[in-house]
Amino acid sequence: MKRVFKFLIYLAITGAIALVIYTYLGSFFGISFEPNQTTERVPVVLNEN
């Protein structure tokens, strides 16, 4: 059980490091993490009494 727990901790740490590296190096491979921004105008009807 101790070996499985150690393996899961090692796997989580390795995955976190890989995710950080992927985030920083993604722009070199043509991957953009910026969201597409669009402007939406929605009319609002106010009911005044």
C-alpha atoms as a PDB file:
ATOM      1  CA  MET A   1       0.000   0.000   0.000  1.00  0.00           C
ATOM      2  CA  LYS A   2       2.883   2.311   0.786  1.00  0.00           C
ATOM      3  CA  ARG A   3       4.398   1.723  -2.659  1.00  0.00           C
ATOM      4  CA  VAL A   4       1.112   2.568  -4.393  1.00  0.00           C
ATOM      5  CA  PHE A   5       0.785   5.778  -2.380  1.00  0.00           C
ATOM      6  CA  LYS A   6       4.365   6.783  -3.233  1.00  0.00           C
ATOM      7  CA  PHE A   7       3.704   6.053  -6.899  1.00  0.00           C
ATOM      8  CA  LEU A   8       0.551   8.195  -6.904  1.00  0.00           C
ATOM      9  CA  ILE A   9       2.409  11.086  -5.248  1.00  0.00           C
ATOM     10  CA  TYR A  10       5.228  10.752  -7.790  1.00  0.00           C
ATOM     11  CA  LEU A  11       2.708  10.648 -10.641  1.00  0.00           C
ATOM     12  CA  ALA A  12       0.881  13.757  -9.374  1.00  0.00           C
ATOM     13  CA  ILE A  13       4.122  15.735  -9.008  1.00  0.00           C
ATOM     14  CA  THR A  14       5.342  14.652 -12.439  1.00  0.00           C
ATOM     15  CA  GLY A  15       1.990  15.579 -13.979  1.00  0.00           C
ATOM     16  CA  ALA A  16       2.009  19.018 -12.341  1.00  0.00           C
ATOM     17  CA  ILE A  17       5.531  19.717 -13.584  1.00  0.00           C
ATOM     18  CA  ALA A  18       4.599  18.546 -17.087  1.00  0.00           C
ATOM     19  CA  LEU A  19       1.531  20.815 -17.082  1.00  0.00           C
ATOM     20  CA  VAL A  20       3.615  23.842 -16.109  1.00  0.00           C
ATOM     21  CA  ILE A  21       6.189  23.084 -18.797  1.00  0.00           C
ATOM     22  CA  TYR A  22       3.420  22.592 -21.384  1.00  0.00           C
ATOM     23  CA  THR A  23       1.889  25.938 -20.405  1.00  0.00           C
ATOM     24  CA  TYR A  24       5.144  27.846 -20.782  1.00  0.00           C
ATOM     25  CA  LEU A  25       6.335  26.085 -23.938  1.00  0.00           C
ATOM     26  CA  GLY A  26       2.939  25.814 -25.677  1.00  0.00           C
ATOM     27  CA  SER A  27       3.388  29.105 -27.530  1.00  0.00           C
ATOM     28  CA  PHE A  28       6.490  27.725 -29.278  1.00  0.00           C
ATOM     29  CA  PHE A  29       4.376  24.920 -30.741  1.00  0.00           C
ATOM     30  CA  GLY A  30       1.571  27.195 -31.971  1.00  0.00           C
ATOM     31  CA  ILE A  31      -0.809  26.599 -29.089  1.00  0.00           C
ATOM     32  CA  SER A  32      -2.611  29.684 -27.815  1.00  0.00           C
ATOM     33  CA  PHE A  33      -4.212  29.667 -24.380  1.00  0.00           C
ATOM     34  CA  GLU A  34      -5.890  33.051 -24.786  1.00  0.00           C
ATOM     35  CA  PRO A  35      -9.684  32.980 -25.048  1.00  0.00           C
ATOM     36  CA  ASN A  36     -11.443  34.368 -28.101  1.00  0.00           C
ATOM     37  CA  GLN A  37     -13.157  37.597 -27.106  1.00  0.00           C
ATOM     38  CA  THR A  38     -16.333  38.794 -28.761  1.00  0.00           C
ATOM     39  CA  THR A  39     -18.647  41.670 -27.922  1.00  0.00           C
ATOM     40  CA  GLU A  40     -22.287  40.778 -27.436  1.00  0.00           C
ATOM     41  CA  ARG A  41     -25.011  43.399 -27.156  1.00  0.00           C
ATOM     42  CA  VAL A  42     -28.245  42.207 -25.604  1.00  0.00           C
ATOM     43  CA  PRO A  43     -31.161  44.636 -25.381  1.00  0.00           C
ATOM     44  CA  VAL A  44     -32.737  44.936 -21.945  1.00  0.00           C
ATOM     45  CA  VAL A  45     -36.378  45.957 -21.511  1.00  0.00           C
ATOM     46  CA  LEU A  46     -37.089  47.666 -18.192  1.00  0.00           C
ATOM     47  CA  ASN A  47     -40.663  47.701 -16.980  1.00  0.00           C
ATOM     48  CA  GLU A  48     -41.275  50.962 -15.155  1.00  0.00           C
ATOM     49  CA  ASN A  49     -44.521  51.459 -13.233  1.00  0.00           C
END
